[in-house]
Amino acid sequence: MYFVYAKLTVSCAVLNQCKNSSLVKLDITHCSENDDCFPILSIKVRVPQVEQQRQVAFDYSSTLVQISSKNLIRAKIEGLKQGDNLMPDIDNIYFGAILIGS
């Protein structure tokens, strides 16, 4: 069994040119071999208008997840639209799993 964790980092690329309530969301889902998927974790970040000020969110799943070679973990980022001037920090966006027991 595993705890799943994720980190999302986003900033405004142009001073005062980001929408005031720009929301970026990272969703992590667990999918079985039958393609039955259920949500594990969702992280939301509101991006400030101040240039180069990064917004960071880190979270982990509240329940243990069973991961095997027959199922998978999916990550999806929403809210990065062309023209919104939002900039993801690709070096600081990640997810993973920590083994708890055996």
N, C-alpha and C. Protein backbone atom coordinates (compact mmCIF):
# COMPACT_ATOMS: atom_id res chain seq x y z
N MET A 1 0.84 -1.18 0.00
CA MET A 1 0.00 0.00 0.00
C MET A 1 0.89 1.25 0.00
N TYR A 2 0.38 2.29 -0.64
CA TYR A 2 1.17 3.50 -0.84
C TYR A 2 0.38 4.75 -0.45
N PHE A 3 1.10 5.76 0.04
CA PHE A 3 0.58 7.12 0.10
C PHE A 3 1.05 7.80 -1.17
N VAL A 4 0.18 8.54 -1.83
CA VAL A 4 0.54 9.28 -3.04
C VAL A 4 0.70 10.75 -2.65
N TYR A 5 1.73 11.40 -3.19
CA TYR A 5 1.97 12.81 -2.89
C TYR A 5 2.17 13.58 -4.19
N ALA A 6 2.00 14.89 -4.12
CA ALA A 6 2.18 15.72 -5.31
C ALA A 6 2.55 17.14 -4.91
N LYS A 7 3.25 17.81 -5.82
CA LYS A 7 3.63 19.21 -5.64
C LYS A 7 3.33 19.95 -6.94
N LEU A 8 2.77 21.13 -6.83
CA LEU A 8 2.43 21.97 -7.98
C LEU A 8 2.97 23.37 -7.73
N THR A 9 3.74 23.89 -8.69
CA THR A 9 4.32 25.23 -8.57
C THR A 9 4.01 26.02 -9.84
N VAL A 10 3.39 27.20 -9.68
CA VAL A 10 2.99 28.03 -10.81
C VAL A 10 3.25 29.50 -10.44
N SER A 11 3.54 30.33 -11.46
CA SER A 11 3.71 31.76 -11.21
C SER A 11 3.11 32.56 -12.37
N CYS A 12 2.97 33.86 -12.15
CA CYS A 12 2.50 34.77 -13.19
C CYS A 12 3.72 35.22 -13.98
N ALA A 13 3.70 35.03 -15.28
CA ALA A 13 4.86 35.31 -16.12
C ALA A 13 5.02 36.79 -16.46
N VAL A 14 3.92 37.55 -16.45
CA VAL A 14 3.95 38.97 -16.82
C VAL A 14 3.23 39.78 -15.74
N LEU A 15 3.90 40.79 -15.20
CA LEU A 15 3.35 41.61 -14.12
C LEU A 15 1.97 42.15 -14.47
N ASN A 16 1.02 41.93 -13.59
CA ASN A 16 -0.37 42.41 -13.71
C ASN A 16 -1.08 41.94 -14.97
N GLN A 17 -0.63 40.88 -15.56
CA GLN A 17 -1.27 40.37 -16.77
C GLN A 17 -1.91 39.00 -16.58
N CYS A 18 -1.94 38.50 -15.36
CA CYS A 18 -2.61 37.23 -15.08
C CYS A 18 -4.01 37.53 -14.56
N LYS A 19 -4.94 36.69 -14.90
CA LYS A 19 -6.29 36.88 -14.40
C LYS A 19 -6.25 36.81 -12.88
N ASN A 20 -7.01 37.68 -12.24
CA ASN A 20 -6.95 37.82 -10.78
C ASN A 20 -7.24 36.52 -10.04
N SER A 21 -8.12 35.72 -10.57
CA SER A 21 -8.48 34.49 -9.87
C SER A 21 -8.05 33.25 -10.65
N SER A 22 -6.97 33.36 -11.38
CA SER A 22 -6.50 32.21 -12.16
C SER A 22 -6.26 31.03 -11.24
N LEU A 23 -6.88 29.92 -11.56
CA LEU A 23 -6.79 28.73 -10.73
C LEU A 23 -6.17 27.60 -11.55
N VAL A 24 -5.11 27.02 -11.04
CA VAL A 24 -4.48 25.88 -11.68
C VAL A 24 -4.69 24.68 -10.77
N LYS A 25 -5.03 23.55 -11.37
CA LYS A 25 -5.38 22.38 -10.58
C LYS A 25 -4.61 21.16 -11.08
N LEU A 26 -4.09 20.37 -10.14
CA LEU A 26 -3.43 19.11 -10.44
C LEU A 26 -4.28 18.00 -9.84
N ASP A 27 -4.80 17.11 -10.68
CA ASP A 27 -5.60 15.98 -10.23
C ASP A 27 -4.82 14.69 -10.42
N ILE A 28 -4.81 13.85 -9.39
CA ILE A 28 -4.18 12.53 -9.45
C ILE A 28 -5.29 11.50 -9.30
N THR A 29 -5.35 10.56 -10.25
CA THR A 29 -6.34 9.49 -10.19
C THR A 29 -5.65 8.14 -10.26
N HIS A 30 -6.32 7.13 -9.69
CA HIS A 30 -5.83 5.75 -9.71
C HIS A 30 -6.75 4.96 -10.63
N CYS A 31 -6.19 4.26 -11.60
CA CYS A 31 -6.99 3.52 -12.58
C CYS A 31 -6.61 2.04 -12.55
N SER A 32 -7.64 1.18 -12.55
CA SER A 32 -7.42 -0.26 -12.55
C SER A 32 -7.22 -0.74 -13.98
N GLU A 33 -6.91 -2.03 -14.11
CA GLU A 33 -6.73 -2.60 -15.44
C GLU A 33 -8.02 -2.58 -16.26
N ASN A 34 -9.18 -2.47 -15.60
CA ASN A 34 -10.47 -2.37 -16.29
C ASN A 34 -10.80 -0.93 -16.66
N ASP A 35 -9.86 -0.01 -16.42
CA ASP A 35 -10.03 1.42 -16.68
C ASP A 35 -11.05 2.07 -15.76
N ASP A 36 -11.29 1.46 -14.59
CA ASP A 36 -12.10 2.09 -13.56
C ASP A 36 -11.18 3.03 -12.79
N CYS A 37 -11.51 4.32 -12.81
CA CYS A 37 -10.64 5.31 -12.18
C CYS A 37 -11.35 5.99 -11.01
N PHE A 38 -10.57 6.32 -9.98
CA PHE A 38 -11.12 7.08 -8.87
C PHE A 38 -10.09 8.12 -8.42
N PRO A 39 -10.57 9.28 -7.95
CA PRO A 39 -9.65 10.35 -7.55
C PRO A 39 -8.90 9.99 -6.27
N ILE A 40 -7.62 10.36 -6.25
CA ILE A 40 -6.79 10.16 -5.06
C ILE A 40 -6.49 11.49 -4.40
N LEU A 41 -6.16 12.48 -5.23
CA LEU A 41 -5.63 13.73 -4.71
C LEU A 41 -5.92 14.86 -5.69
N SER A 42 -6.24 16.02 -5.16
CA SER A 42 -6.46 17.20 -6.00
C SER A 42 -5.82 18.40 -5.32
N ILE A 43 -4.97 19.09 -6.05
CA ILE A 43 -4.29 20.28 -5.52
C ILE A 43 -4.70 21.47 -6.37
N LYS A 44 -5.08 22.57 -5.70
CA LYS A 44 -5.48 23.80 -6.40
C LYS A 44 -4.59 24.94 -5.95
N VAL A 45 -4.18 25.78 -6.90
CA VAL A 45 -3.34 26.94 -6.61
C VAL A 45 -3.94 28.15 -7.30
N ARG A 46 -4.13 29.24 -6.55
CA ARG A 46 -4.53 30.52 -7.14
C ARG A 46 -3.27 31.31 -7.41
N VAL A 47 -3.13 31.78 -8.63
CA VAL A 47 -1.90 32.46 -9.04
C VAL A 47 -2.03 33.96 -8.80
N PRO A 48 -1.06 34.57 -8.10
CA PRO A 48 -1.12 36.02 -7.85
C PRO A 48 -0.73 36.80 -9.10
N GLN A 49 -1.06 38.09 -9.11
CA GLN A 49 -0.73 38.95 -10.24
C GLN A 49 0.72 39.41 -10.23
N VAL A 50 1.39 39.26 -9.10
CA VAL A 50 2.76 39.75 -8.96
C VAL A 50 3.71 38.87 -9.76
N GLU A 51 4.50 39.51 -10.62
CA GLU A 51 5.43 38.78 -11.48
C GLU A 51 6.46 38.01 -10.65
N GLN A 52 6.75 36.81 -11.07
CA GLN A 52 7.77 35.95 -10.48
C GLN A 52 7.48 35.49 -9.06
N GLN A 53 6.32 35.81 -8.52
CA GLN A 53 5.96 35.27 -7.21
C GLN A 53 5.34 33.90 -7.43
N ARG A 54 5.99 32.89 -6.92
CA ARG A 54 5.52 31.53 -7.14
C ARG A 54 4.49 31.12 -6.09
N GLN A 55 3.52 30.37 -6.52
CA GLN A 55 2.56 29.75 -5.63
C GLN A 55 2.87 28.25 -5.63
N VAL A 56 3.04 27.71 -4.44
CA VAL A 56 3.42 26.30 -4.31
C VAL A 56 2.37 25.59 -3.46
N ALA A 57 2.00 24.40 -3.89
CA ALA A 57 1.09 23.56 -3.10
C ALA A 57 1.67 22.15 -3.05
N PHE A 58 1.63 21.56 -1.87
CA PHE A 58 2.09 20.18 -1.68
C PHE A 58 1.03 19.48 -0.86
N ASP A 59 0.71 18.24 -1.23
CA ASP A 59 -0.29 17.49 -0.49
C ASP A 59 -0.04 16.00 -0.68
N TYR A 60 -0.70 15.20 0.14
CA TYR A 60 -0.61 13.74 0.00
C TYR A 60 -1.98 13.14 0.22
N SER A 61 -2.16 11.91 -0.26
CA SER A 61 -3.46 11.25 -0.20
C SER A 61 -3.84 10.96 1.25
N SER A 62 -5.12 11.02 1.54
CA SER A 62 -5.60 10.74 2.89
C SER A 62 -5.85 9.25 3.10
N THR A 63 -5.85 8.49 2.02
CA THR A 63 -6.04 7.04 2.12
C THR A 63 -4.89 6.32 1.42
N LEU A 64 -4.67 5.09 1.83
CA LEU A 64 -3.64 4.27 1.18
C LEU A 64 -4.16 3.75 -0.15
N VAL A 65 -3.26 3.62 -1.11
CA VAL A 65 -3.61 3.17 -2.46
C VAL A 65 -2.80 1.93 -2.79
N GLN A 66 -3.45 0.94 -3.39
CA GLN A 66 -2.73 -0.25 -3.82
C GLN A 66 -2.30 -0.05 -5.27
N ILE A 67 -1.00 -0.15 -5.52
CA ILE A 67 -0.45 0.05 -6.86
C ILE A 67 0.23 -1.23 -7.29
N SER A 68 -0.07 -1.67 -8.51
CA SER A 68 0.58 -2.86 -9.05
C SER A 68 0.89 -2.62 -10.52
N SER A 69 1.47 -3.62 -11.16
CA SER A 69 1.80 -3.49 -12.58
C SER A 69 0.56 -3.48 -13.47
N LYS A 70 -0.60 -3.84 -12.92
CA LYS A 70 -1.83 -3.89 -13.71
C LYS A 70 -2.68 -2.63 -13.59
N ASN A 71 -2.27 -1.69 -12.76
CA ASN A 71 -3.01 -0.43 -12.68
C ASN A 71 -2.03 0.73 -12.74
N LEU A 72 -2.56 1.93 -12.82
CA LEU A 72 -1.68 3.08 -13.00
C LEU A 72 -2.19 4.30 -12.28
N ILE A 73 -1.30 5.28 -12.15
CA ILE A 73 -1.62 6.57 -11.56
C ILE A 73 -1.56 7.61 -12.68
N ARG A 74 -2.62 8.42 -12.79
CA ARG A 74 -2.67 9.46 -13.83
C ARG A 74 -2.60 10.84 -13.18
N ALA A 75 -1.89 11.73 -13.84
CA ALA A 75 -1.83 13.12 -13.38
C ALA A 75 -2.33 14.02 -14.51
N LYS A 76 -3.15 15.01 -14.14
CA LYS A 76 -3.69 15.93 -15.14
C LYS A 76 -3.65 17.35 -14.55
N ILE A 77 -3.10 18.27 -15.33
CA ILE A 77 -3.06 19.68 -14.91
C ILE A 77 -4.08 20.45 -15.73
N GLU A 78 -4.94 21.20 -15.05
CA GLU A 78 -5.96 22.02 -15.71
C GLU A 78 -5.77 23.49 -15.32
N GLY A 79 -6.16 24.38 -16.19
CA GLY A 79 -6.15 25.80 -15.89
C GLY A 79 -5.03 26.58 -16.55
N LEU A 80 -4.16 25.90 -17.27
CA LEU A 80 -3.08 26.59 -17.99
C LEU A 80 -3.57 26.87 -19.41
N LYS A 81 -4.15 28.05 -19.60
CA LYS A 81 -4.70 28.42 -20.91
C LYS A 81 -3.79 29.42 -21.60
N GLN A 82 -3.69 29.29 -22.90
CA GLN A 82 -2.89 30.23 -23.67
C GLN A 82 -3.47 31.63 -23.50
N GLY A 83 -2.61 32.59 -23.25
CA GLY A 83 -3.05 33.96 -23.05
C GLY A 83 -3.26 34.35 -21.60
N ASP A 84 -3.24 33.38 -20.69
CA ASP A 84 -3.40 33.68 -19.26
C ASP A 84 -2.10 34.11 -18.61
N ASN A 85 -0.98 33.94 -19.31
CA ASN A 85 0.35 34.31 -18.80
C ASN A 85 0.76 33.55 -17.55
N LEU A 86 0.20 32.37 -17.36
CA LEU A 86 0.60 31.52 -16.24
C LEU A 86 1.78 30.67 -16.66
N MET A 87 2.72 30.51 -15.75
CA MET A 87 3.93 29.77 -16.07
C MET A 87 4.14 28.64 -15.06
N PRO A 88 4.02 27.39 -15.51
CA PRO A 88 4.31 26.28 -14.60
C PRO A 88 5.82 26.16 -14.41
N ASP A 89 6.22 25.82 -13.20
CA ASP A 89 7.64 25.59 -12.92
C ASP A 89 7.87 24.09 -13.08
N ILE A 90 8.25 23.67 -14.28
CA ILE A 90 8.32 22.24 -14.59
C ILE A 90 9.34 21.48 -13.75
N ASP A 91 10.30 22.19 -13.18
CA ASP A 91 11.27 21.53 -12.30
C ASP A 91 10.68 21.27 -10.91
N ASN A 92 9.55 21.88 -10.61
CA ASN A 92 8.94 21.74 -9.29
C ASN A 92 7.48 21.30 -9.35
N ILE A 93 7.14 20.51 -10.37
CA ILE A 93 5.83 19.87 -10.45
C ILE A 93 6.10 18.37 -10.52
N TYR A 94 5.61 17.65 -9.52
CA TYR A 94 5.86 16.21 -9.53
C TYR A 94 4.84 15.48 -8.66
N PHE A 95 4.79 14.17 -8.84
CA PHE A 95 4.01 13.33 -7.94
C PHE A 95 4.74 12.01 -7.80
N GLY A 96 4.42 11.29 -6.75
CA GLY A 96 5.07 10.01 -6.50
C GLY A 96 4.30 9.24 -5.44
N ALA A 97 4.88 8.14 -5.02
CA ALA A 97 4.24 7.29 -4.02
C ALA A 97 5.28 6.80 -3.02
N ILE A 98 4.86 6.69 -1.77
CA ILE A 98 5.71 6.20 -0.69
C ILE A 98 5.14 4.88 -0.20
N LEU A 99 5.94 3.84 -0.22
CA LEU A 99 5.51 2.52 0.23
C LEU A 99 5.35 2.51 1.74
N ILE A 100 4.19 2.05 2.20
CA ILE A 100 3.92 1.90 3.63
C ILE A 100 3.73 0.41 3.88
N GLY A 101 4.64 -0.23 4.56
CA GLY A 101 4.56 -1.67 4.79
C GLY A 101 4.91 -2.43 3.53
N SER A 102 4.63 -3.73 3.54
CA SER A 102 4.93 -4.53 2.35
C SER A 102 3.79 -5.44 1.99
